[in-house]
């Protein structure tokens, strides 16, 4: 069972990254069998991953047609960013209250790694590190709700 969870997470993470990095365009069809072959898993595992991604609104599922990369409207994208700004502002206020030297060191290391990715023009790493900054803050706060919400938005 843990293998299935790990395989599903690997697919979810891989597809999410490909979408964020725009290697998968909005509206692109995600073929179950191709994904199963690529990840070396059954189509059942792929379906689990696609279902999780659909719950996060990263993809959408159409009966008898398959899975497709989501194409959010401008209004939906603006709403997502508005929610993210609110969440990050509140998280920052909470973080400031519990912040210690170790936390600051962790953030500085993260910023240094991100700066190096920017210097070498590594767009995939830079994109991931930019998104992971707030996830790191949530982890340092040991707040599972923030941590998982930051990962989804």
N, C-alpha and C. Protein backbone atom coordinates (compact mmCIF):
# COMPACT_ATOMS: atom_id res chain seq x y z
N UNK A 1 0.81 -1.19 0.00
CA UNK A 1 0.00 0.00 0.00
C UNK A 1 0.86 1.26 0.00
N UNK A 2 1.94 1.30 0.79
CA UNK A 2 2.78 2.48 0.82
C UNK A 2 3.44 2.72 -0.53
N UNK A 3 3.69 1.64 -1.30
CA UNK A 3 4.26 1.80 -2.63
C UNK A 3 3.29 2.57 -3.51
N UNK A 4 1.99 2.22 -3.42
CA UNK A 4 0.97 2.90 -4.21
C UNK A 4 0.91 4.38 -3.86
N UNK A 5 0.97 4.69 -2.56
CA UNK A 5 0.93 6.08 -2.12
C UNK A 5 2.15 6.82 -2.62
N UNK A 6 3.31 6.20 -2.55
CA UNK A 6 4.54 6.82 -3.01
C UNK A 6 4.50 7.02 -4.52
N UNK A 7 4.04 6.00 -5.26
CA UNK A 7 3.96 6.11 -6.71
C UNK A 7 2.96 7.20 -7.11
N UNK A 8 1.84 7.24 -6.44
CA UNK A 8 0.83 8.26 -6.73
C UNK A 8 1.40 9.64 -6.48
N UNK A 9 2.09 9.82 -5.35
CA UNK A 9 2.69 11.13 -5.02
C UNK A 9 3.74 11.51 -6.07
N UNK A 10 4.52 10.55 -6.52
CA UNK A 10 5.54 10.82 -7.53
C UNK A 10 4.89 11.35 -8.81
N UNK A 11 3.79 10.73 -9.21
CA UNK A 11 3.09 11.18 -10.42
C UNK A 11 2.48 12.56 -10.20
N UNK A 12 1.81 12.75 -9.07
CA UNK A 12 1.21 14.05 -8.76
C UNK A 12 2.28 15.14 -8.77
N UNK A 13 3.39 14.89 -8.11
CA UNK A 13 4.47 15.89 -8.04
C UNK A 13 5.06 16.14 -9.43
N UNK A 14 5.28 15.07 -10.20
CA UNK A 14 5.86 15.21 -11.53
C UNK A 14 4.96 15.98 -12.47
N UNK A 15 3.68 15.66 -12.48
CA UNK A 15 2.75 16.36 -13.36
C UNK A 15 2.56 17.81 -12.91
N UNK A 16 2.48 18.03 -11.61
CA UNK A 16 2.33 19.40 -11.10
C UNK A 16 3.52 20.24 -11.54
N UNK A 17 4.70 19.69 -11.40
CA UNK A 17 5.90 20.43 -11.80
C UNK A 17 5.90 20.72 -13.30
N UNK A 18 5.53 19.72 -14.10
CA UNK A 18 5.49 19.91 -15.55
C UNK A 18 4.49 20.99 -15.94
N UNK A 19 3.37 21.05 -15.23
CA UNK A 19 2.36 22.07 -15.52
C UNK A 19 2.84 23.45 -15.09
N UNK A 20 3.40 23.55 -13.89
CA UNK A 20 3.91 24.83 -13.39
C UNK A 20 5.02 25.35 -14.29
N UNK A 21 5.88 24.46 -14.75
CA UNK A 21 6.99 24.85 -15.61
C UNK A 21 6.57 25.02 -17.06
N UNK A 22 5.29 24.84 -17.33
CA UNK A 22 4.69 25.00 -18.64
C UNK A 22 5.24 24.04 -19.68
N UNK A 23 5.69 22.87 -19.22
CA UNK A 23 6.07 21.82 -20.15
C UNK A 23 4.82 21.08 -20.62
N UNK A 24 3.74 21.21 -19.84
CA UNK A 24 2.42 20.72 -20.24
C UNK A 24 1.52 21.95 -20.35
N UNK A 25 1.03 22.20 -21.54
CA UNK A 25 0.21 23.38 -21.82
C UNK A 25 -1.22 23.22 -21.31
N UNK A 26 -1.88 24.32 -20.99
CA UNK A 26 -3.30 24.25 -20.65
C UNK A 26 -4.09 23.57 -21.76
N UNK A 27 -4.95 22.65 -21.38
CA UNK A 27 -5.76 21.92 -22.35
C UNK A 27 -5.13 20.64 -22.87
N UNK A 28 -3.84 20.42 -22.54
CA UNK A 28 -3.15 19.22 -23.04
C UNK A 28 -3.81 17.96 -22.47
N UNK A 29 -3.98 16.95 -23.32
CA UNK A 29 -4.55 15.67 -22.88
C UNK A 29 -3.48 14.85 -22.18
N UNK A 30 -3.86 14.21 -21.08
CA UNK A 30 -2.95 13.37 -20.31
C UNK A 30 -3.41 11.92 -20.50
N UNK A 31 -2.68 11.18 -21.30
CA UNK A 31 -3.05 9.80 -21.63
C UNK A 31 -2.63 8.86 -20.50
N UNK A 32 -3.60 8.14 -19.95
CA UNK A 32 -3.33 7.24 -18.82
C UNK A 32 -2.24 6.22 -19.14
N UNK A 33 -2.35 5.56 -20.29
CA UNK A 33 -1.40 4.50 -20.62
C UNK A 33 0.02 5.05 -20.79
N UNK A 34 0.14 6.20 -21.43
CA UNK A 34 1.47 6.81 -21.60
C UNK A 34 2.07 7.16 -20.24
N UNK A 35 1.24 7.70 -19.35
CA UNK A 35 1.73 8.03 -18.01
C UNK A 35 2.10 6.77 -17.24
N UNK A 36 1.29 5.72 -17.37
CA UNK A 36 1.58 4.45 -16.69
C UNK A 36 2.91 3.89 -17.18
N UNK A 37 3.13 3.93 -18.48
CA UNK A 37 4.39 3.43 -19.05
C UNK A 37 5.56 4.28 -18.59
N UNK A 38 5.37 5.60 -18.61
CA UNK A 38 6.45 6.52 -18.22
C UNK A 38 6.88 6.30 -16.76
N UNK A 39 5.91 6.13 -15.88
CA UNK A 39 6.20 5.98 -14.45
C UNK A 39 6.36 4.53 -14.03
N UNK A 40 6.10 3.58 -14.93
CA UNK A 40 6.25 2.16 -14.61
C UNK A 40 5.25 1.68 -13.58
N UNK A 41 4.01 2.15 -13.70
CA UNK A 41 2.95 1.79 -12.75
C UNK A 41 1.71 1.35 -13.53
N UNK A 42 0.72 0.89 -12.80
CA UNK A 42 -0.54 0.51 -13.42
C UNK A 42 -1.38 1.76 -13.72
N UNK A 43 -2.35 1.59 -14.58
CA UNK A 43 -3.27 2.69 -14.89
C UNK A 43 -4.10 3.06 -13.66
N UNK A 44 -4.29 2.11 -12.76
CA UNK A 44 -5.04 2.40 -11.53
C UNK A 44 -4.30 3.45 -10.71
N UNK A 45 -2.99 3.31 -10.61
CA UNK A 45 -2.18 4.29 -9.87
C UNK A 45 -2.25 5.64 -10.57
N UNK A 46 -2.17 5.64 -11.89
CA UNK A 46 -2.26 6.88 -12.66
C UNK A 46 -3.61 7.54 -12.40
N UNK A 47 -4.68 6.75 -12.39
CA UNK A 47 -6.02 7.31 -12.14
C UNK A 47 -6.09 7.96 -10.76
N UNK A 48 -5.46 7.32 -9.77
CA UNK A 48 -5.44 7.91 -8.42
C UNK A 48 -4.76 9.28 -8.44
N UNK A 49 -3.63 9.36 -9.15
CA UNK A 49 -2.89 10.62 -9.24
C UNK A 49 -3.72 11.67 -9.98
N UNK A 50 -4.35 11.27 -11.08
CA UNK A 50 -5.17 12.21 -11.85
C UNK A 50 -6.35 12.70 -11.02
N UNK A 51 -6.93 11.81 -10.24
CA UNK A 51 -8.04 12.22 -9.37
C UNK A 51 -7.56 13.27 -8.36
N UNK A 52 -6.40 13.03 -7.74
CA UNK A 52 -5.86 14.00 -6.77
C UNK A 52 -5.62 15.36 -7.44
N UNK A 53 -5.06 15.33 -8.65
CA UNK A 53 -4.81 16.57 -9.37
C UNK A 53 -6.11 17.28 -9.73
N UNK A 54 -7.14 16.51 -10.04
CA UNK A 54 -8.44 17.13 -10.36
C UNK A 54 -9.05 17.77 -9.11
N UNK A 55 -8.80 17.17 -7.94
CA UNK A 55 -9.30 17.75 -6.70
C UNK A 55 -8.62 19.09 -6.41
N UNK A 56 -7.39 19.23 -6.86
CA UNK A 56 -6.65 20.47 -6.68
C UNK A 56 -6.91 21.47 -7.81
N UNK A 57 -7.75 21.05 -8.78
CA UNK A 57 -8.11 21.89 -9.94
C UNK A 57 -6.92 22.15 -10.86
N UNK A 58 -5.91 21.28 -10.80
CA UNK A 58 -4.76 21.41 -11.67
C UNK A 58 -5.07 20.79 -13.03
N UNK A 59 -5.89 19.76 -13.01
CA UNK A 59 -6.38 19.16 -14.25
C UNK A 59 -7.90 19.02 -14.12
N UNK A 60 -8.53 18.66 -15.22
CA UNK A 60 -9.95 18.33 -15.15
C UNK A 60 -10.18 17.01 -15.87
N UNK A 61 -11.15 16.28 -15.39
CA UNK A 61 -11.49 14.97 -15.93
C UNK A 61 -12.81 15.09 -16.67
N UNK A 62 -12.82 14.55 -17.88
CA UNK A 62 -14.05 14.51 -18.66
C UNK A 62 -14.43 13.06 -18.89
N UNK A 63 -15.64 12.67 -18.48
CA UNK A 63 -16.07 11.28 -18.69
C UNK A 63 -15.95 10.88 -20.16
N UNK A 64 -15.41 9.69 -20.38
CA UNK A 64 -15.24 9.10 -21.71
C UNK A 64 -14.26 9.86 -22.61
N UNK A 65 -13.63 10.91 -22.10
CA UNK A 65 -12.65 11.66 -22.90
C UNK A 65 -11.27 11.64 -22.28
N UNK A 66 -11.19 11.64 -20.95
CA UNK A 66 -9.90 11.58 -20.29
C UNK A 66 -9.59 12.78 -19.42
N UNK A 67 -8.29 12.95 -19.17
CA UNK A 67 -7.79 14.01 -18.30
C UNK A 67 -7.10 15.08 -19.13
N UNK A 68 -7.27 16.33 -18.71
CA UNK A 68 -6.70 17.46 -19.44
C UNK A 68 -6.13 18.47 -18.44
N UNK A 69 -5.05 19.14 -18.84
CA UNK A 69 -4.47 20.20 -18.02
C UNK A 69 -5.49 21.33 -17.95
N UNK A 70 -5.71 21.84 -16.75
CA UNK A 70 -6.69 22.91 -16.54
C UNK A 70 -6.30 24.16 -17.30
N UNK A 71 -7.31 24.88 -17.72
CA UNK A 71 -7.14 26.17 -18.39
C UNK A 71 -7.92 27.21 -17.61
N UNK A 72 -7.34 27.70 -16.51
CA UNK A 72 -8.10 28.65 -15.69
C UNK A 72 -8.35 29.94 -16.44
N UNK A 73 -9.50 30.52 -16.18
CA UNK A 73 -9.81 31.83 -16.76
C UNK A 73 -8.96 32.88 -16.05
N UNK A 74 -8.91 34.07 -16.61
CA UNK A 74 -8.18 35.17 -15.98
C UNK A 74 -8.75 35.43 -14.59
N UNK A 75 -10.08 35.42 -14.49
CA UNK A 75 -10.73 35.66 -13.20
C UNK A 75 -10.36 34.59 -12.18
N UNK A 76 -10.35 33.31 -12.60
CA UNK A 76 -9.96 32.23 -11.68
C UNK A 76 -8.52 32.39 -11.22
N UNK A 77 -7.63 32.72 -12.16
CA UNK A 77 -6.22 32.92 -11.80
C UNK A 77 -6.08 34.07 -10.81
N UNK A 78 -6.80 35.16 -11.05
CA UNK A 78 -6.75 36.30 -10.13
C UNK A 78 -7.26 35.91 -8.75
N UNK A 79 -8.30 35.10 -8.69
CA UNK A 79 -8.84 34.66 -7.41
C UNK A 79 -7.83 33.78 -6.67
N UNK A 80 -7.16 32.89 -7.40
CA UNK A 80 -6.16 32.03 -6.78
C UNK A 80 -5.04 32.88 -6.19
N UNK A 81 -4.56 33.86 -6.95
CA UNK A 81 -3.49 34.72 -6.45
C UNK A 81 -3.95 35.55 -5.26
N UNK A 82 -5.20 35.99 -5.27
CA UNK A 82 -5.73 36.77 -4.14
C UNK A 82 -5.76 35.91 -2.87
N UNK A 83 -6.22 34.68 -3.01
CA UNK A 83 -6.25 33.77 -1.85
C UNK A 83 -4.82 33.49 -1.38
N UNK A 84 -3.93 33.29 -2.32
CA UNK A 84 -2.54 33.01 -1.94
C UNK A 84 -1.93 34.19 -1.18
N UNK A 85 -2.19 35.40 -1.66
CA UNK A 85 -1.66 36.59 -0.95
C UNK A 85 -2.18 36.65 0.47
N UNK A 86 -3.48 36.39 0.66
CA UNK A 86 -4.05 36.41 2.01
C UNK A 86 -3.41 35.34 2.89
N UNK A 87 -3.29 34.15 2.35
CA UNK A 87 -2.72 33.04 3.11
C UNK A 87 -1.27 33.32 3.48
N UNK A 88 -0.49 33.81 2.52
CA UNK A 88 0.92 34.07 2.78
C UNK A 88 1.12 35.21 3.77
N UNK A 89 0.27 36.24 3.70
CA UNK A 89 0.38 37.35 4.65
C UNK A 89 0.11 36.86 6.08
N UNK A 90 -0.93 36.07 6.25
CA UNK A 90 -1.25 35.55 7.57
C UNK A 90 -0.17 34.60 8.07
N UNK A 91 0.34 33.78 7.16
CA UNK A 91 1.40 32.84 7.53
C UNK A 91 2.65 33.62 7.98
N UNK A 92 2.96 34.68 7.27
CA UNK A 92 4.13 35.49 7.63
C UNK A 92 3.96 36.11 9.02
N UNK A 93 2.76 36.61 9.30
CA UNK A 93 2.51 37.18 10.64
C UNK A 93 2.72 36.11 11.73
N UNK A 94 2.22 34.92 11.49
CA UNK A 94 2.39 33.83 12.46
C UNK A 94 3.84 33.41 12.60
N UNK A 95 4.56 33.39 11.46
CA UNK A 95 5.96 32.99 11.47
C UNK A 95 6.81 33.97 12.28
N UNK A 96 6.55 35.24 12.11
CA UNK A 96 7.31 36.26 12.84
C UNK A 96 7.21 36.04 14.35
N UNK A 97 6.08 35.59 14.82
CA UNK A 97 5.87 35.38 16.25
C UNK A 97 6.70 34.23 16.82
N UNK A 98 7.03 33.23 15.99
CA UNK A 98 7.75 32.05 16.51
C UNK A 98 9.17 31.93 15.94
N UNK A 99 9.55 32.85 15.11
CA UNK A 99 10.83 32.78 14.39
C UNK A 99 12.02 32.78 15.34
N UNK A 100 13.00 31.91 15.05
CA UNK A 100 14.23 31.88 15.83
C UNK A 100 15.44 31.85 14.88
N UNK A 101 16.63 31.81 15.44
CA UNK A 101 17.86 31.85 14.64
C UNK A 101 17.95 30.68 13.66
N UNK A 102 17.55 29.52 14.08
CA UNK A 102 17.57 28.34 13.21
C UNK A 102 16.64 28.52 12.02
N UNK A 103 15.48 29.10 12.27
CA UNK A 103 14.52 29.36 11.18
C UNK A 103 15.12 30.33 10.16
N UNK A 104 15.75 31.39 10.67
CA UNK A 104 16.36 32.39 9.79
C UNK A 104 17.45 31.74 8.94
N UNK A 105 18.26 30.88 9.54
CA UNK A 105 19.31 30.18 8.80
C UNK A 105 18.72 29.32 7.68
N UNK A 106 17.64 28.62 7.97
CA UNK A 106 16.99 27.78 6.96
C UNK A 106 16.48 28.63 5.78
N UNK A 107 15.89 29.77 6.11
CA UNK A 107 15.41 30.66 5.04
C UNK A 107 16.56 31.24 4.23
N UNK A 108 17.65 31.60 4.90
CA UNK A 108 18.81 32.14 4.19
C UNK A 108 19.40 31.10 3.24
N UNK A 109 19.49 29.86 3.70
CA UNK A 109 19.99 28.77 2.83
C UNK A 109 19.10 28.62 1.60
N UNK A 110 17.80 28.66 1.82
CA UNK A 110 16.86 28.53 0.72
C UNK A 110 17.05 29.67 -0.29
N UNK A 111 17.16 30.90 0.20
CA UNK A 111 17.34 32.06 -0.67
C UNK A 111 18.65 31.96 -1.44
N UNK A 112 19.71 31.48 -0.79
CA UNK A 112 21.01 31.30 -1.46
C UNK A 112 20.91 30.28 -2.60
N UNK A 113 20.24 29.17 -2.34
CA UNK A 113 20.06 28.14 -3.37
C UNK A 113 19.23 28.70 -4.53
N UNK A 114 18.18 29.46 -4.20
CA UNK A 114 17.34 30.07 -5.24
C UNK A 114 18.16 31.06 -6.07
N UNK A 115 19.00 31.86 -5.43
CA UNK A 115 19.83 32.84 -6.13
C UNK A 115 20.77 32.14 -7.11
N UNK A 116 21.32 31.01 -6.70
CA UNK A 116 22.21 30.25 -7.59
C UNK A 116 21.45 29.70 -8.80
N UNK A 117 20.21 29.26 -8.57
CA UNK A 117 19.38 28.77 -9.68
C UNK A 117 19.08 29.91 -10.66
N UNK A 118 18.84 31.10 -10.13
CA UNK A 118 18.59 32.26 -10.99
C UNK A 118 19.84 32.61 -11.78
N UNK A 119 21.00 32.60 -11.12
CA UNK A 119 22.27 32.90 -11.79
C UNK A 119 22.53 31.98 -12.97
N UNK A 120 22.26 30.69 -12.78
CA UNK A 120 22.53 29.73 -13.87
C UNK A 120 21.34 29.59 -14.81
N UNK A 121 20.36 30.47 -14.64
CA UNK A 121 19.16 30.53 -15.48
C UNK A 121 18.45 29.18 -15.55
N UNK A 122 18.36 28.54 -14.40
CA UNK A 122 17.69 27.24 -14.28
C UNK A 122 16.22 27.49 -13.94
N UNK A 123 15.41 27.66 -14.97
CA UNK A 123 14.00 28.02 -14.78
C UNK A 123 13.23 26.98 -13.95
N UNK A 124 13.37 25.67 -14.23
CA UNK A 124 12.62 24.70 -13.42
C UNK A 124 12.97 24.77 -11.93
N UNK A 125 14.26 24.82 -11.60
CA UNK A 125 14.66 24.90 -10.19
C UNK A 125 14.20 26.22 -9.57
N UNK A 126 14.39 27.32 -10.30
CA UNK A 126 13.99 28.63 -9.79
C UNK A 126 12.49 28.64 -9.49
N UNK A 127 11.69 28.11 -10.42
CA UNK A 127 10.24 28.09 -10.25
C UNK A 127 9.86 27.27 -9.03
N UNK A 128 10.48 26.10 -8.88
CA UNK A 128 10.17 25.25 -7.73
C UNK A 128 10.59 25.92 -6.43
N UNK A 129 11.77 26.51 -6.42
CA UNK A 129 12.26 27.15 -5.20
C UNK A 129 11.42 28.37 -4.81
N UNK A 130 10.95 29.11 -5.80
CA UNK A 130 10.08 30.25 -5.49
C UNK A 130 8.81 29.78 -4.81
N UNK A 131 8.23 28.71 -5.33
CA UNK A 131 7.02 28.17 -4.73
C UNK A 131 7.27 27.54 -3.37
N UNK A 132 8.44 26.94 -3.21
CA UNK A 132 8.75 26.23 -1.98
C UNK A 132 9.10 27.15 -0.81
N UNK A 133 9.34 28.42 -1.06
CA UNK A 133 9.70 29.34 0.02
C UNK A 133 8.62 29.36 1.10
N UNK A 134 7.38 29.52 0.68
CA UNK A 134 6.29 29.58 1.65
C UNK A 134 5.98 28.21 2.25
N UNK A 135 6.25 27.16 1.48
CA UNK A 135 6.10 25.81 2.03
C UNK A 135 7.13 25.62 3.14
N UNK A 136 8.35 26.10 2.93
CA UNK A 136 9.40 26.01 3.96
C UNK A 136 8.98 26.76 5.23
N UNK A 137 8.42 27.94 5.07
CA UNK A 137 7.96 28.69 6.24
C UNK A 137 6.90 27.89 7.00
N UNK A 138 5.97 27.30 6.26
CA UNK A 138 4.92 26.49 6.90
C UNK A 138 5.53 25.29 7.62
N UNK A 139 6.54 24.67 7.01
CA UNK A 139 7.21 23.54 7.66
C UNK A 139 7.92 23.99 8.93
N UNK A 140 8.59 25.12 8.87
CA UNK A 140 9.30 25.64 10.05
C UNK A 140 8.33 25.98 11.17
N UNK A 141 7.12 26.38 10.80
CA UNK A 141 6.08 26.67 11.79
C UNK A 141 5.47 25.39 12.34
N UNK A 142 5.76 24.28 11.68
CA UNK A 142 5.18 22.97 12.02
C UNK A 142 3.65 23.05 11.97
N UNK A 143 3.16 23.72 10.95
CA UNK A 143 1.72 23.86 10.76
C UNK A 143 1.32 23.06 9.52
N UNK A 144 0.80 21.86 9.75
CA UNK A 144 0.45 20.96 8.66
C UNK A 144 -0.60 21.54 7.72
N UNK A 145 -1.54 22.28 8.26
CA UNK A 145 -2.60 22.85 7.42
C UNK A 145 -2.00 23.85 6.45
N UNK A 146 -1.21 24.80 6.97
CA UNK A 146 -0.55 25.76 6.08
C UNK A 146 0.32 25.03 5.07
N UNK A 147 1.11 24.09 5.55
CA UNK A 147 2.07 23.37 4.72
C UNK A 147 1.34 22.74 3.53
N UNK A 148 0.28 22.03 3.76
CA UNK A 148 -0.43 21.35 2.67
C UNK A 148 -1.19 22.32 1.79
N UNK A 149 -1.72 23.38 2.35
CA UNK A 149 -2.42 24.37 1.53
C UNK A 149 -1.44 25.12 0.64
N UNK A 150 -0.27 25.43 1.17
CA UNK A 150 0.75 26.11 0.35
C UNK A 150 1.17 25.21 -0.80
N UNK A 151 1.26 23.95 -0.57
CA UNK A 151 1.66 23.01 -1.62
C UNK A 151 0.61 22.93 -2.72
N UNK A 152 -0.65 23.16 -2.37
CA UNK A 152 -1.72 22.99 -3.35
C UNK A 152 -1.99 24.25 -4.16
N UNK A 153 -1.68 25.41 -3.59
CA UNK A 153 -2.02 26.65 -4.30
C UNK A 153 -0.84 27.12 -5.11
